Amino acid sequence: MQRNVYALVAHERAEPCQALKLILRRLHVDTFSVGSCAEAAHLLEQTQPHLIFTDTKLPDGTWIDVVTLAEDAAFPICAILVGTLKDPELFQSALNYGAFDYISPPFDTESISRLLIQAMALVRTRRERDSRAAVA
């Protein structure tokens, strides 16, 4: 993965996000951790991450709130829901609410790398489009 990729990881529980953060670091993704929706909203503007990985529940909201924050941000971000179980209903709900993807453990470097390549291609395309539109 190319350097200068930033991900916000919103989680209250250590697992499964700790395992995910280790893989992201191996793939040269800089991560910032937050434990609430409020912290995520605050850090979004400061760090302008490319990706947001969110746990299903946070003390002050749910993954839906985090996906909404990503959609409302002033710059394109891909939101990815991190669940603890393979759950087809939750996967479909996540996509319906605007999440880029839904992942669950066990995580492996190869599948996370593929996910990052796809998500970053989308984010970069959208950011370049927005940049060109702002200049025009």
C-alpha atoms as a PDB file:
ATOM      1  CA  MET A   1       0.000   0.000   0.000  1.00  0.00           C
ATOM      2  CA  GLN A   2       1.247   3.454  -0.891  1.00  0.00           C
ATOM      3  CA  ARG A   3       2.412   5.701   1.951  1.00  0.00           C
ATOM      4  CA  ASN A   4       0.354   8.623   3.209  1.00  0.00           C
ATOM      5  CA  VAL A   5      -2.835   6.638   3.645  1.00  0.00           C
ATOM      6  CA  TYR A   6      -4.695   7.622   6.778  1.00  0.00           C
ATOM      7  CA  ALA A   7      -7.408   5.658   8.529  1.00  0.00           C
ATOM      8  CA  LEU A   8      -9.558   6.563  11.483  1.00  0.00           C
ATOM      9  CA  VAL A   9     -10.506   3.542  13.602  1.00  0.00           C
ATOM     10  CA  ALA A  10     -13.577   4.129  15.760  1.00  0.00           C
ATOM     11  CA  HIS A  11     -13.967   1.460  18.406  1.00  0.00           C
ATOM     12  CA  GLU A  12     -14.754   0.884  22.042  1.00  0.00           C
ATOM     13  CA  ARG A  13     -13.677  -2.753  22.293  1.00  0.00           C
ATOM     14  CA  ALA A  14     -10.078  -3.782  21.768  1.00  0.00           C
ATOM     15  CA  GLU A  15     -11.050  -6.689  19.524  1.00  0.00           C
ATOM     16  CA  PRO A  16     -11.463  -7.001  16.638  1.00  0.00           C
ATOM     17  CA  CYS A  17     -10.011  -3.563  15.899  1.00  0.00           C
ATOM     18  CA  GLN A  18      -6.586  -4.170  17.500  1.00  0.00           C
ATOM     19  CA  ALA A  19      -5.939  -7.061  15.118  1.00  0.00           C
ATOM     20  CA  LEU A  20      -7.061  -4.902  12.195  1.00  0.00           C
ATOM     21  CA  LYS A  21      -4.805  -2.003  13.237  1.00  0.00           C
ATOM     22  CA  LEU A  22      -1.778  -4.317  13.279  1.00  0.00           C
ATOM     23  CA  ILE A  23      -2.465  -5.369   9.688  1.00  0.00           C
ATOM     24  CA  LEU A  24      -3.059  -1.766   8.618  1.00  0.00           C
ATOM     25  CA  ARG A  25       0.309  -0.757  10.088  1.00  0.00           C
ATOM     26  CA  ARG A  26       2.011  -3.603   8.202  1.00  0.00           C
ATOM     27  CA  LEU A  27       0.409  -2.229   5.039  1.00  0.00           C
ATOM     28  CA  HIS A  28       1.793   1.256   5.828  1.00  0.00           C
ATOM     29  CA  VAL A  29      -1.548   2.803   6.755  1.00  0.00           C
ATOM     30  CA  ASP A  30      -1.307   5.402   9.515  1.00  0.00           C
ATOM     31  CA  THR A  31      -4.140   4.932  11.996  1.00  0.00           C
ATOM     32  CA  PHE A  32      -5.796   7.233  14.491  1.00  0.00           C
ATOM     33  CA  SER A  33      -8.016   5.630  17.132  1.00  0.00           C
ATOM     34  CA  VAL A  34     -11.113   7.146  18.702  1.00  0.00           C
ATOM     35  CA  GLY A  35     -13.599   5.700  21.161  1.00  0.00           C
ATOM     36  CA  SER A  36     -16.767   7.611  20.316  1.00  0.00           C
ATOM     37  CA  CYS A  37     -18.733   9.255  17.521  1.00  0.00           C
ATOM     38  CA  ALA A  38     -17.986  12.667  19.030  1.00  0.00           C
ATOM     39  CA  GLU A  39     -14.242  12.000  18.931  1.00  0.00           C
ATOM     40  CA  ALA A  40     -14.571  10.727  15.355  1.00  0.00           C
ATOM     41  CA  ALA A  41     -16.380  13.910  14.298  1.00  0.00           C
ATOM     42  CA  HIS A  42     -13.706  16.057  15.952  1.00  0.00           C
ATOM     43  CA  LEU A  43     -10.759  14.160  14.459  1.00  0.00           C
ATOM     44  CA  LEU A  44     -12.257  13.956  10.953  1.00  0.00           C
ATOM     45  CA  GLU A  45     -11.640  17.592  10.192  1.00  0.00           C
ATOM     46  CA  GLN A  46      -8.158  17.573  11.731  1.00  0.00           C
ATOM     47  CA  THR A  47      -6.803  14.468  10.032  1.00  0.00           C
ATOM     48  CA  GLN A  48      -8.913  14.173   6.853  1.00  0.00           C
ATOM     49  CA  PRO A  49      -8.544  10.372   6.743  1.00  0.00           C
ATOM     50  CA  HIS A  50      -9.053   8.383   3.564  1.00  0.00           C
ATOM     51  CA  LEU A  51     -10.815   5.581   5.421  1.00  0.00           C
ATOM     52  CA  ILE A  52     -12.881   5.095   8.547  1.00  0.00           C
ATOM     53  CA  PHE A  53     -13.119   1.659  10.091  1.00  0.00           C
ATOM     54  CA  THR A  54     -15.907   1.549  12.651  1.00  0.00           C
ATOM     55  CA  ASP A  55     -16.998  -0.924  15.259  1.00  0.00           C
ATOM     56  CA  THR A  56     -20.728  -1.718  15.314  1.00  0.00           C
ATOM     57  CA  LYS A  57     -21.369   0.127  18.579  1.00  0.00           C
ATOM     58  CA  LEU A  58     -19.765   3.096  20.281  1.00  0.00           C
ATOM     59  CA  PRO A  59     -20.692   4.683  23.637  1.00  0.00           C
ATOM     60  CA  ASP A  60     -22.553   7.537  21.936  1.00  0.00           C
ATOM     61  CA  GLY A  61     -23.860   5.900  18.776  1.00  0.00           C
ATOM     62  CA  THR A  62     -23.528   3.152  16.217  1.00  0.00           C
ATOM     63  CA  TRP A  63     -21.813   2.425  12.950  1.00  0.00           C
ATOM     64  CA  ILE A  64     -24.672   4.232  11.189  1.00  0.00           C
ATOM     65  CA  ASP A  65     -23.640   7.468  12.921  1.00  0.00           C
ATOM     66  CA  VAL A  66     -20.032   7.005  11.805  1.00  0.00           C
ATOM     67  CA  VAL A  67     -21.055   6.251   8.209  1.00  0.00           C
ATOM     68  CA  THR A  68     -23.185   9.407   8.288  1.00  0.00           C
ATOM     69  CA  LEU A  69     -20.183  11.411   9.528  1.00  0.00           C
ATOM     70  CA  ALA A  70     -18.145  10.067   6.606  1.00  0.00           C
ATOM     71  CA  GLU A  71     -20.871  10.920   4.097  1.00  0.00           C
ATOM     72  CA  ASP A  72     -21.257  14.440   5.514  1.00  0.00           C
ATOM     73  CA  ALA A  73     -17.515  15.168   5.580  1.00  0.00           C
ATOM     74  CA  ALA A  74     -16.167  17.947   3.378  1.00  0.00           C
ATOM     75  CA  PHE A  75     -13.956  15.412   1.555  1.00  0.00           C
ATOM     76  CA  PRO A  76     -14.531  11.854   0.288  1.00  0.00           C
ATOM     77  CA  ILE A  77     -13.939   9.029   2.766  1.00  0.00           C
ATOM     78  CA  CYS A  78     -14.712   5.313   2.571  1.00  0.00           C
ATOM     79  CA  ALA A  79     -16.407   3.955   5.697  1.00  0.00           C
ATOM     80  CA  ILE A  80     -15.895   0.282   6.484  1.00  0.00           C
ATOM     81  CA  LEU A  81     -17.876  -1.531   9.155  1.00  0.00           C
ATOM     82  CA  VAL A  82     -15.956  -3.952  11.377  1.00  0.00           C
ATOM     83  CA  GLY A  83     -18.134  -6.669  12.878  1.00  0.00           C
ATOM     84  CA  THR A  84     -17.275  -9.620  15.045  1.00  0.00           C
ATOM     85  CA  LEU A  85     -19.279 -12.188  13.060  1.00  0.00           C
ATOM     86  CA  LYS A  86     -20.018 -12.889   9.431  1.00  0.00           C
ATOM     87  CA  ASP A  87     -23.526 -11.470   9.253  1.00  0.00           C
ATOM     88  CA  PRO A  88     -25.163 -11.225   5.805  1.00  0.00           C
ATOM     89  CA  GLU A  89     -27.967  -8.988   7.106  1.00  0.00           C
ATOM     90  CA  LEU A  90     -25.551  -6.546   8.709  1.00  0.00           C
ATOM     91  CA  PHE A  91     -23.413  -6.602   5.561  1.00  0.00           C
ATOM     92  CA  GLN A  92     -26.416  -5.655   3.417  1.00  0.00           C
ATOM     93  CA  SER A  93     -27.522  -2.987   5.895  1.00  0.00           C
ATOM     94  CA  ALA A  94     -24.036  -1.486   5.897  1.00  0.00           C
ATOM     95  CA  LEU A  95     -24.031  -1.236   2.103  1.00  0.00           C
ATOM     96  CA  ASN A  96     -27.563   0.196   2.088  1.00  0.00           C
ATOM     97  CA  TYR A  97     -26.523   2.924   4.549  1.00  0.00           C
ATOM     98  CA  GLY A  98     -23.520   3.904   2.441  1.00  0.00           C
ATOM     99  CA  ALA A  99     -20.642   1.930   3.921  1.00  0.00           C
ATOM    100  CA  PHE A 100     -17.987   0.850   1.440  1.00  0.00           C
ATOM    101  CA  ASP A 101     -17.719  -2.638   2.926  1.00  0.00           C
ATOM    102  CA  TYR A 102     -18.231  -4.858   5.964  1.00  0.00           C
ATOM    103  CA  ILE A 103     -15.402  -6.982   7.331  1.00  0.00           C
ATOM    104  CA  SER A 104     -15.117  -9.450  10.179  1.00  0.00           C
ATOM    105  CA  PRO A 105     -12.299 -11.481  11.694  1.00  0.00           C
ATOM    106  CA  PRO A 106     -10.210 -13.371  11.172  1.00  0.00           C
ATOM    107  CA  PHE A 107      -8.430 -10.683   9.152  1.00  0.00           C
ATOM    108  CA  ASP A 108      -5.642 -11.565   6.791  1.00  0.00           C
ATOM    109  CA  THR A 109      -3.168  -9.226   5.194  1.00  0.00           C
ATOM    110  CA  GLU A 110      -4.017 -10.213   1.623  1.00  0.00           C
ATOM    111  CA  SER A 111      -7.762  -9.559   1.869  1.00  0.00           C
ATOM    112  CA  ILE A 112      -7.258  -6.295   3.779  1.00  0.00           C
ATOM    113  CA  SER A 113      -4.705  -5.224   1.151  1.00  0.00           C
ATOM    114  CA  ARG A 114      -7.234  -5.870  -1.646  1.00  0.00           C
ATOM    115  CA  LEU A 115      -9.876  -3.923   0.278  1.00  0.00           C
ATOM    116  CA  LEU A 116      -7.476  -1.000   0.733  1.00  0.00           C
ATOM    117  CA  ILE A 117      -6.587  -0.923  -2.957  1.00  0.00           C
ATOM    118  CA  GLN A 118     -10.258  -0.769  -3.947  1.00  0.00           C
ATOM    119  CA  ALA A 119     -11.246   1.779  -1.308  1.00  0.00           C
ATOM    120  CA  MET A 120      -8.266   4.028  -1.972  1.00  0.00           C
ATOM    121  CA  ALA A 121      -8.907   3.991  -5.733  1.00  0.00           C
ATOM    122  CA  LEU A 122     -12.433   5.243  -5.064  1.00  0.00           C
ATOM    123  CA  VAL A 123     -11.335   7.870  -2.537  1.00  0.00           C
ATOM    124  CA  ARG A 124      -8.549   9.200  -4.756  1.00  0.00           C
ATOM    125  CA  THR A 125     -10.844   9.379  -7.803  1.00  0.00           C
ATOM    126  CA  ARG A 126     -13.467  11.287  -5.832  1.00  0.00           C
ATOM    127  CA  ARG A 127     -10.924  13.654  -4.261  1.00  0.00           C
ATOM    128  CA  GLU A 128      -9.333  14.379  -7.647  1.00  0.00           C
ATOM    129  CA  ARG A 129     -12.785  15.028  -9.143  1.00  0.00           C
ATOM    130  CA  ASP A 130     -13.668  17.374  -6.282  1.00  0.00           C
ATOM    131  CA  SER A 131     -10.329  19.156  -6.645  1.00  0.00           C
ATOM    132  CA  ARG A 132     -10.858  19.708 -10.374  1.00  0.00           C
ATOM    133  CA  ALA A 133     -14.420  20.949  -9.758  1.00  0.00           C
ATOM    134  CA  ALA A 134     -13.171  23.437  -7.158  1.00  0.00           C
ATOM    135  CA  VAL A 135     -10.656  24.888  -9.626  1.00  0.00           C
ATOM    136  CA  ALA A 136     -13.157  25.166 -12.490  1.00  0.00           C
END
